Amino acid sequence: MGTRVTLICERPGILIGRRGELIKRLTGDIQSRFQLDNPQIEVQEEREPNLNAQLMSEKLAKP
């Protein structure tokens, strides 16, 4: 078992990408940047995005 990374986002389908291409690229980037052998990436959906301060501030900051 490798290092577990949990990503919480509003729309996980966009992060994963078609056929998992984006998540595979992200896994490779994490592997090379942090010298991890086998990073396990878990993507979770934020159930109440309006209650997440980080997501709301990013939405408000966009033009």
N, C-alpha and C. Protein backbone atom coordinates (compact mmCIF):
# COMPACT_ATOMS: atom_id res chain seq x y z
N MET A 1 0.84 -1.18 0.00
CA MET A 1 0.00 0.00 0.00
C MET A 1 0.88 1.23 0.00
N GLY A 2 0.49 2.22 -0.77
CA GLY A 2 1.27 3.44 -0.88
C GLY A 2 0.67 4.56 -0.05
N THR A 3 1.05 5.77 -0.39
CA THR A 3 0.54 6.95 0.28
C THR A 3 -0.86 7.26 -0.23
N ARG A 4 -1.77 7.54 0.68
CA ARG A 4 -3.16 7.83 0.29
C ARG A 4 -3.37 9.34 0.26
N VAL A 5 -3.90 9.83 -0.86
CA VAL A 5 -4.21 11.24 -1.04
C VAL A 5 -5.71 11.34 -1.29
N THR A 6 -6.40 12.16 -0.50
CA THR A 6 -7.84 12.33 -0.66
C THR A 6 -8.11 13.73 -1.19
N LEU A 7 -8.81 13.81 -2.31
CA LEU A 7 -9.19 15.08 -2.91
C LEU A 7 -10.69 15.24 -2.77
N ILE A 8 -11.11 16.35 -2.19
CA ILE A 8 -12.53 16.63 -2.04
C ILE A 8 -12.86 17.77 -2.98
N CYS A 9 -13.78 17.52 -3.91
CA CYS A 9 -14.10 18.54 -4.90
C CYS A 9 -15.60 18.57 -5.14
N GLU A 10 -16.03 19.62 -5.83
CA GLU A 10 -17.45 19.79 -6.09
C GLU A 10 -17.94 18.84 -7.18
N ARG A 11 -17.13 18.67 -8.24
CA ARG A 11 -17.52 17.80 -9.34
C ARG A 11 -16.38 16.81 -9.64
N PRO A 12 -16.42 15.63 -9.06
CA PRO A 12 -15.32 14.68 -9.23
C PRO A 12 -15.18 14.15 -10.65
N GLY A 13 -16.24 14.13 -11.42
CA GLY A 13 -16.16 13.63 -12.80
C GLY A 13 -15.22 14.45 -13.65
N ILE A 14 -15.19 15.75 -13.43
CA ILE A 14 -14.28 16.62 -14.18
C ILE A 14 -12.84 16.35 -13.78
N LEU A 15 -12.61 16.12 -12.51
CA LEU A 15 -11.25 15.84 -12.02
C LEU A 15 -10.73 14.51 -12.54
N ILE A 16 -11.59 13.52 -12.61
CA ILE A 16 -11.18 12.19 -13.08
C ILE A 16 -10.93 12.20 -14.58
N GLY A 17 -11.79 12.86 -15.33
CA GLY A 17 -11.61 12.95 -16.79
C GLY A 17 -12.11 11.72 -17.51
N ARG A 18 -12.08 11.80 -18.82
CA ARG A 18 -12.52 10.67 -19.65
C ARG A 18 -11.55 9.52 -19.52
N ARG A 19 -12.10 8.36 -19.26
CA ARG A 19 -11.34 7.12 -19.11
C ARG A 19 -10.23 7.26 -18.07
N GLY A 20 -10.39 8.19 -17.13
CA GLY A 20 -9.41 8.34 -16.06
C GLY A 20 -8.10 8.98 -16.47
N GLU A 21 -8.10 9.67 -17.62
CA GLU A 21 -6.84 10.24 -18.12
C GLU A 21 -6.26 11.29 -17.19
N LEU A 22 -7.10 12.19 -16.69
CA LEU A 22 -6.59 13.27 -15.83
C LEU A 22 -6.09 12.74 -14.49
N ILE A 23 -6.80 11.77 -13.94
CA ILE A 23 -6.38 11.23 -12.64
C ILE A 23 -5.08 10.44 -12.78
N LYS A 24 -4.89 9.79 -13.93
CA LYS A 24 -3.63 9.07 -14.17
C LYS A 24 -2.47 10.06 -14.30
N ARG A 25 -2.72 11.17 -14.98
CA ARG A 25 -1.68 12.19 -15.13
C ARG A 25 -1.35 12.81 -13.77
N LEU A 26 -2.39 13.06 -12.97
CA LEU A 26 -2.19 13.61 -11.63
C LEU A 26 -1.40 12.65 -10.75
N THR A 27 -1.69 11.37 -10.86
CA THR A 27 -0.95 10.35 -10.10
C THR A 27 0.52 10.37 -10.49
N GLY A 28 0.80 10.46 -11.78
CA GLY A 28 2.18 10.52 -12.24
C GLY A 28 2.90 11.77 -11.75
N ASP A 29 2.21 12.91 -11.76
CA ASP A 29 2.80 14.15 -11.28
C ASP A 29 3.13 14.07 -9.79
N ILE A 30 2.21 13.54 -9.01
CA ILE A 30 2.44 13.40 -7.57
C ILE A 30 3.59 12.44 -7.32
N GLN A 31 3.63 11.36 -8.10
CA GLN A 31 4.70 10.37 -7.96
C GLN A 31 6.07 10.99 -8.22
N SER A 32 6.18 11.79 -9.27
CA SER A 32 7.48 12.35 -9.62
C SER A 32 7.87 13.53 -8.72
N ARG A 33 6.94 14.38 -8.37
CA ARG A 33 7.26 15.56 -7.57
C ARG A 33 7.63 15.22 -6.13
N PHE A 34 6.94 14.24 -5.55
CA PHE A 34 7.15 13.92 -4.15
C PHE A 34 7.88 12.61 -3.93
N GLN A 35 8.37 11.98 -5.00
CA GLN A 35 9.11 10.73 -4.95
C GLN A 35 8.35 9.66 -4.15
N LEU A 36 7.07 9.49 -4.47
CA LEU A 36 6.25 8.47 -3.82
C LEU A 36 6.20 7.25 -4.72
N ASP A 37 6.23 6.08 -4.12
CA ASP A 37 6.23 4.84 -4.90
C ASP A 37 4.88 4.53 -5.51
N ASN A 38 3.84 4.57 -4.72
CA ASN A 38 2.53 4.14 -5.19
C ASN A 38 1.44 5.02 -4.57
N PRO A 39 1.26 6.27 -5.04
CA PRO A 39 0.23 7.11 -4.44
C PRO A 39 -1.17 6.63 -4.80
N GLN A 40 -2.02 6.50 -3.81
CA GLN A 40 -3.41 6.11 -4.01
C GLN A 40 -4.27 7.37 -3.90
N ILE A 41 -4.89 7.77 -5.00
CA ILE A 41 -5.70 8.99 -5.01
C ILE A 41 -7.16 8.62 -4.90
N GLU A 42 -7.81 9.18 -3.90
CA GLU A 42 -9.24 8.98 -3.69
C GLU A 42 -9.93 10.32 -3.94
N VAL A 43 -10.96 10.32 -4.77
CA VAL A 43 -11.70 11.53 -5.09
C VAL A 43 -13.07 11.43 -4.45
N GLN A 44 -13.39 12.41 -3.62
CA GLN A 44 -14.68 12.44 -2.95
C GLN A 44 -15.45 13.69 -3.37
N GLU A 45 -16.75 13.55 -3.46
CA GLU A 45 -17.60 14.69 -3.80
C GLU A 45 -17.98 15.44 -2.53
N GLU A 46 -17.87 16.76 -2.59
CA GLU A 46 -18.32 17.60 -1.48
C GLU A 46 -19.84 17.61 -1.51
N ARG A 47 -20.46 17.06 -0.49
CA ARG A 47 -21.92 16.92 -0.48
C ARG A 47 -22.63 18.26 -0.35
N GLU A 48 -22.10 19.16 0.42
CA GLU A 48 -22.69 20.49 0.61
C GLU A 48 -21.66 21.55 0.24
N PRO A 49 -21.47 21.82 -1.06
CA PRO A 49 -20.43 22.77 -1.47
C PRO A 49 -20.69 24.19 -0.96
N ASN A 50 -21.94 24.53 -0.69
CA ASN A 50 -22.24 25.88 -0.19
C ASN A 50 -21.79 26.08 1.25
N LEU A 51 -21.51 25.00 1.96
CA LEU A 51 -21.03 25.10 3.33
C LEU A 51 -19.51 25.02 3.43
N ASN A 52 -18.84 24.83 2.30
CA ASN A 52 -17.38 24.74 2.28
C ASN A 52 -16.82 26.13 1.97
N ALA A 53 -16.12 26.72 2.93
CA ALA A 53 -15.61 28.08 2.78
C ALA A 53 -14.63 28.21 1.62
N GLN A 54 -13.78 27.22 1.42
CA GLN A 54 -12.80 27.27 0.34
C GLN A 54 -13.48 27.30 -1.02
N LEU A 55 -14.45 26.42 -1.24
CA LEU A 55 -15.16 26.38 -2.51
C LEU A 55 -15.94 27.67 -2.76
N MET A 56 -16.59 28.18 -1.73
CA MET A 56 -17.37 29.40 -1.90
C MET A 56 -16.47 30.60 -2.20
N SER A 57 -15.33 30.70 -1.55
CA SER A 57 -14.43 31.82 -1.81
C SER A 57 -13.86 31.75 -3.22
N GLU A 58 -13.59 30.55 -3.72
CA GLU A 58 -13.10 30.41 -5.09
C GLU A 58 -14.18 30.78 -6.10
N LYS A 59 -15.43 30.43 -5.82
CA LYS A 59 -16.54 30.80 -6.70
C LYS A 59 -16.72 32.31 -6.75
N LEU A 60 -16.63 32.96 -5.59
CA LEU A 60 -16.82 34.41 -5.52
C LEU A 60 -15.67 35.17 -6.16
N ALA A 61 -14.48 34.59 -6.16
CA ALA A 61 -13.31 35.27 -6.70
C ALA A 61 -13.25 35.22 -8.22
N LYS A 62 -13.98 34.29 -8.84
CA LYS A 62 -13.96 34.17 -10.30
C LYS A 62 -14.72 35.33 -10.92
N PRO A 63 -14.18 35.91 -11.99
CA PRO A 63 -14.87 37.03 -12.66
C PRO A 63 -16.11 36.59 -13.40
